[in-house]
Protein backbone atom coordinates (compact mmCIF):
# COMPACT_ATOMS: atom_id res chain seq x y z
CA MET A 1 -0.02 0.03 -0.10
CA THR A 2 1.32 3.43 -0.89
CA GLU A 3 2.29 5.58 2.00
CA ASP A 4 0.35 8.77 2.30
CA ILE A 5 2.28 12.01 1.42
CA LEU A 6 0.18 13.99 3.55
CA ALA A 7 -1.11 12.45 6.93
CA VAL A 8 -3.50 14.14 9.22
CA SER A 9 -3.84 12.04 12.55
CA GLY A 10 -6.27 12.65 15.37
CA ILE A 11 -6.52 16.53 14.65
CA SER A 12 -9.29 18.71 16.31
CA VAL A 13 -9.86 22.29 15.10
CA THR A 14 -11.49 25.26 16.57
CA ARG A 15 -13.01 28.32 14.98
CA GLY A 16 -13.29 31.37 17.51
CA ASP A 17 -12.54 28.93 20.15
CA VAL A 18 -15.52 26.76 19.20
CA PRO A 19 -14.88 23.12 18.67
CA VAL A 20 -15.53 22.20 14.91
CA ILE A 21 -13.51 19.36 13.97
CA HIS A 22 -13.10 16.59 16.34
CA ASP A 23 -10.54 13.83 16.23
CA VAL A 24 -10.24 13.56 12.42
CA THR A 25 -7.99 11.23 10.60
CA ILE A 26 -7.32 11.42 6.85
CA GLY A 27 -4.38 10.76 4.35
CA VAL A 28 -3.93 12.20 1.04
CA GLN A 29 -2.07 9.63 -1.33
CA PRO A 30 0.90 10.84 -3.73
CA ASP A 31 -0.08 11.64 -7.33
CA ALA A 32 -4.17 11.34 -6.82
CA VAL A 33 -6.84 13.06 -6.03
CA THR A 34 -8.37 12.57 -2.41
CA VAL A 35 -12.02 13.91 -2.15
CA LEU A 36 -13.38 15.54 0.99
CA LEU A 37 -17.49 15.62 1.08
CA GLY A 38 -19.83 16.61 3.39
CA ALA A 39 -22.86 19.24 3.70
CA ASN A 40 -22.75 22.75 4.41
CA GLY A 41 -21.53 23.12 8.12
CA ALA A 42 -19.86 20.01 8.07
CA GLY A 43 -16.47 21.48 8.83
CA LYS A 44 -14.88 20.89 5.46
CA THR A 45 -13.38 24.50 5.29
CA THR A 46 -12.30 24.37 8.94
CA LEU A 47 -10.29 21.33 8.54
CA LEU A 48 -8.60 22.59 5.62
CA ASP A 49 -7.77 25.87 7.40
CA GLY A 50 -6.30 23.75 10.30
CA ILE A 51 -4.16 21.92 7.91
CA ALA A 52 -2.96 25.16 6.39
CA GLY A 53 -2.15 26.73 9.78
CA LEU A 54 -5.24 29.45 9.37
CA ALA A 55 -7.30 27.91 12.29
CA LYS A 56 -6.18 26.45 15.66
CA THR A 57 -5.51 22.81 16.14
CA THR A 58 -5.87 21.53 19.63
CA ALA A 59 -4.94 17.82 19.21
CA GLY A 60 -3.29 15.73 16.81
CA SER A 61 -0.44 15.68 14.20
CA ILE A 62 -0.02 16.78 10.62
CA THR A 63 2.88 15.33 8.66
CA LEU A 64 3.97 16.09 4.96
CA ALA A 65 6.24 13.79 3.11
CA GLY A 66 7.79 13.18 6.61
CA THR A 67 7.91 17.06 8.02
CA ALA A 68 5.87 17.75 10.91
CA LEU A 69 3.57 20.79 10.12
CA SER A 70 1.80 21.14 13.47
CA GLY A 71 2.60 24.11 15.09
CA LEU A 72 4.25 25.98 12.17
CA PRO A 73 3.18 29.09 10.85
CA THR A 74 1.32 29.07 7.33
CA TYR A 75 4.53 30.21 5.70
CA ARG A 76 6.50 27.53 6.74
CA ARG A 77 3.77 25.00 5.78
CA THR A 78 4.17 26.63 2.39
CA LYS A 79 7.85 25.97 2.06
CA ALA A 80 7.32 22.39 3.00
CA GLY A 81 5.24 21.93 0.04
CA LEU A 82 1.65 22.63 0.99
CA GLY A 83 -0.41 24.82 -1.36
CA TYR A 84 -4.14 26.10 -0.59
CA ALA A 85 -6.52 27.42 -3.30
CA GLU A 86 -9.03 29.01 -1.03
CA GLN A 87 -12.76 29.28 -1.61
CA SER A 88 -12.56 33.10 -1.62
CA ARG A 89 -10.98 32.88 -5.34
CA THR A 90 -8.58 35.71 -4.50
CA VAL A 91 -6.68 37.53 -7.30
CA PHE A 92 -4.78 40.52 -7.34
CA LYS A 93 -7.12 42.29 -9.64
CA THR A 94 -5.02 45.29 -10.75
CA LEU A 95 -2.01 43.09 -11.79
CA THR A 96 -2.18 41.18 -15.05
CA VAL A 97 -2.65 37.37 -15.37
CA GLU A 98 1.31 37.11 -15.77
CA GLN A 99 2.14 39.23 -12.98
CA ASN A 100 -0.17 37.34 -10.77
CA LEU A 101 1.66 34.24 -11.51
CA LEU A 102 5.03 35.61 -10.97
CA VAL A 103 4.31 36.81 -7.65
CA ALA A 104 3.75 33.44 -6.78
CA ASP A 105 6.55 32.12 -8.15
CA ASN A 106 9.43 31.07 -5.90
CA GLY A 107 11.74 29.72 -8.13
CA SER A 108 10.26 26.08 -8.29
CA GLY A 109 7.55 27.13 -10.49
CA ASP A 110 7.01 27.19 -14.35
CA LEU A 111 4.86 29.45 -16.26
CA GLY A 112 5.14 27.47 -19.46
CA THR A 113 3.47 24.40 -17.31
CA ALA A 114 0.93 26.72 -15.92
CA TYR A 115 -0.14 27.83 -19.37
CA ARG A 116 -0.12 24.60 -21.00
CA LEU A 117 -2.74 23.54 -18.21
CA PHE A 118 -4.64 26.70 -18.88
CA PRO A 119 -4.32 28.10 -22.30
CA GLU A 120 -7.03 30.45 -21.55
CA LEU A 121 -4.84 32.32 -19.27
CA GLU A 122 -1.93 32.65 -21.82
CA ARG A 123 -4.28 34.23 -24.23
CA ARG A 124 -5.20 36.90 -21.22
CA ARG A 125 -1.48 37.05 -20.02
CA THR A 126 -1.50 40.81 -20.32
CA LEU A 127 -5.12 41.37 -19.20
CA GLY A 128 -5.76 42.68 -15.79
CA ALA A 129 -7.08 39.68 -13.49
CA GLY A 130 -9.92 41.92 -12.55
CA HIS A 131 -11.40 41.58 -16.10
CA LEU A 132 -11.54 37.72 -16.04
CA SER A 133 -14.50 35.73 -15.83
CA GLY A 134 -15.34 33.76 -12.54
CA GLY A 135 -13.85 30.46 -14.13
CA GLU A 136 -10.85 32.22 -15.63
CA GLN A 137 -10.11 33.80 -12.10
CA GLN A 138 -10.61 30.35 -10.45
CA MET A 139 -8.08 29.03 -13.32
CA LEU A 140 -5.73 31.67 -12.23
CA VAL A 141 -6.12 30.67 -8.77
CA LEU A 142 -5.12 27.11 -9.55
CA ALA A 143 -2.25 28.06 -11.77
CA ARG A 144 -0.76 30.56 -9.12
CA ALA A 145 -0.80 27.32 -6.53
CA LEU A 146 0.87 25.54 -9.27
CA ILE A 147 3.57 27.91 -9.65
CA SER A 148 4.27 27.88 -6.00
CA GLY A 149 5.58 24.44 -6.48
CA PRO A 150 3.36 22.58 -4.02
CA LYS A 151 3.97 18.68 -3.03
CA VAL A 152 -0.02 18.85 -1.81
CA LEU A 153 -2.55 21.15 -2.90
CA LEU A 154 -5.50 21.84 -0.80
CA ILE A 155 -8.50 23.08 -3.08
CA ASP A 156 -11.63 24.36 -1.32
CA GLU A 157 -15.02 24.58 -3.33
CA MET A 158 -13.42 25.74 -6.80
CA SER A 159 -16.94 25.18 -8.40
CA LEU A 160 -18.65 27.88 -6.11
CA GLY A 161 -20.81 30.15 -8.42
CA LEU A 162 -19.70 28.55 -11.72
CA ALA A 163 -21.53 27.07 -14.60
CA PRO A 164 -21.32 23.47 -14.76
CA VAL A 165 -19.48 23.51 -18.18
CA VAL A 166 -16.78 25.70 -16.49
CA VAL A 167 -16.83 23.21 -13.38
CA ARG A 168 -15.98 20.10 -15.63
CA ARG A 169 -13.15 22.07 -17.37
CA LEU A 170 -11.63 22.87 -13.78
CA MET A 171 -12.26 19.23 -12.82
CA THR A 172 -10.11 18.12 -15.88
CA ALA A 173 -7.48 20.55 -14.92
CA VAL A 174 -7.11 19.25 -11.23
CA GLY A 175 -7.14 15.68 -12.38
CA GLU A 176 -4.09 16.62 -14.79
CA LEU A 177 -2.30 18.19 -11.67
CA THR A 178 -1.70 14.86 -10.32
CA SER A 179 0.42 13.85 -13.60
CA LEU A 180 2.67 16.72 -12.39
CA GLY A 181 3.57 14.88 -9.27
CA ILE A 182 1.07 17.12 -7.12
CA ALA A 183 -1.17 15.35 -4.67
CA ILE A 184 -4.66 16.89 -4.57
CA LEU A 185 -7.08 17.19 -1.27
CA LEU A 186 -10.34 18.61 -3.09
CA VAL A 187 -13.40 19.72 -1.07
CA GLU A 188 -16.19 19.88 -3.67
CA GLN A 189 -19.96 20.60 -3.64
CA PHE A 190 -20.47 18.72 -6.78
CA ALA A 191 -19.76 15.27 -5.40
CA ASN A 192 -20.14 13.12 -8.43
CA LEU A 193 -17.94 15.46 -10.61
CA ALA A 194 -15.26 14.92 -7.72
CA LEU A 195 -15.73 11.45 -7.32
CA GLU A 196 -14.95 10.79 -10.98
CA ILE A 197 -11.59 11.89 -10.89
CA GLY A 198 -10.59 11.00 -7.07
CA ALA A 199 -9.12 7.79 -5.88
CA ARG A 200 -10.15 7.95 -2.09
CA ALA A 201 -12.90 9.74 -0.51
CA TYR A 202 -13.87 11.16 2.88
CA VAL A 203 -17.28 12.34 4.25
CA LEU A 204 -17.55 14.76 7.17
CA ARG A 205 -20.41 15.07 9.25
CA LYS A 206 -20.73 17.47 12.08
CA GLY A 207 -16.88 17.55 12.41
CA GLN A 208 -16.20 14.06 12.13
CA VAL A 209 -15.43 11.43 9.50
CA VAL A 210 -18.15 9.06 9.00
CA PHE A 211 -16.94 7.54 5.58
CA GLU A 212 -13.74 6.52 4.27
CA GLY A 213 -13.14 4.56 1.12
CA PRO A 214 -12.61 4.43 -2.57
CA CYS A 215 -14.35 6.95 -4.57
CA ALA A 216 -15.74 4.11 -6.55
CA ASP A 217 -17.70 2.98 -3.68
CA LEU A 218 -19.92 6.31 -3.74
CA LEU A 219 -19.79 7.27 -7.34
CA GLY A 220 -23.30 7.14 -8.53
CA ASP A 221 -24.90 5.95 -5.30
CA GLU A 222 -27.14 8.70 -4.28
CA ASP A 223 -28.63 6.75 -1.36
CA LEU A 224 -25.43 6.04 0.11
CA LEU A 225 -24.11 9.48 -0.60
CA HIS A 226 -27.42 11.02 1.19
CA GLU A 227 -27.03 8.48 4.27
CA HIS A 228 -23.38 9.70 4.99
CA TYR A 229 -24.10 13.27 4.21
CA PHE A 230 -27.17 13.53 6.43
CA GLY A 231 -27.25 10.49 8.56
CA GLY A 232 -30.29 9.10 6.71
CA VAL A 233 -32.59 11.51 8.13
CA GLU A 234 -34.36 13.80 5.34
CA ALA A 235 -33.96 17.45 5.99
CA PRO A 236 -37.00 19.57 6.44
CA ALA A 237 -38.32 20.74 2.71
CA ASP A 238 -37.67 24.53 3.48
CA ASP A 239 -34.09 24.02 4.71
CA ASP A 240 -32.41 25.95 1.78
CA ASP A 241 -28.91 24.78 2.53
CA THR A 242 -29.80 21.10 2.89
CA ALA A 243 -31.85 21.25 -0.15
CA GLY A 244 -28.95 22.79 -1.85
CA ASP A 245 -26.65 19.91 -0.63
CA LYS A 246 -28.86 17.62 -1.88
CA ALA A 247 -28.91 18.68 -5.30
CA MET A 248 -25.13 18.66 -5.45
CA VAL A 249 -24.88 15.19 -3.89
CA GLU A 250 -27.41 14.10 -6.80
CA GLY A 251 -25.30 15.48 -9.38
CA GLU A 252 -27.12 18.62 -10.74
CA ALA A 253 -23.81 19.67 -12.52
CA ARG A 254 -24.39 17.44 -15.53
């Protein structure tokens, strides 16, 4: 069995001193996409923030390629090979596309590789990033993370607010990142699209792992996904957040 390049063991994470993640253990395989699923409020972003050093961990350990990350500031985790494409889709809007990429280059990146992965960005290399579409800005976020030379890349909800056709384009790019030797931990609201490119899946519910196994075990099984997301209990019909989660679980991004 291949050893995990990112090993998260028994971590608990707080948000504003409120416990959110409870004794979670997950592993990210090298050269593969690991998928992290769960309903709104399950703790997915808090878990990623804890791994990245943006939220306080109160227990457990985090190891990246043999290097202990627990207790290190965010910039030290980045130097150790941890990248993070956060949900906010932040770009430097007053800089051009290429300047955004150069800002992230620490000497280990390659603009050519970024442009091969996202030819849309090469065509807009001199355009201000603020003039890009939402999908193009997300491509720029991923390309900028690639330029930083990560061993493991955390990606949080890259599809948020994007059209299904754009989401599929981004999923293809994420799958291609693994061929470059980058391991991915992907949080995604479109469950089935993520499972199509993933190897291993975890499902979080109320800050705890309730499922771990091959993505193939969940792919296309909406009843099983629903059971793990919501504990087998149907949410009230007027619960907009849960209704939205259920739509994503059932593959509305076809």
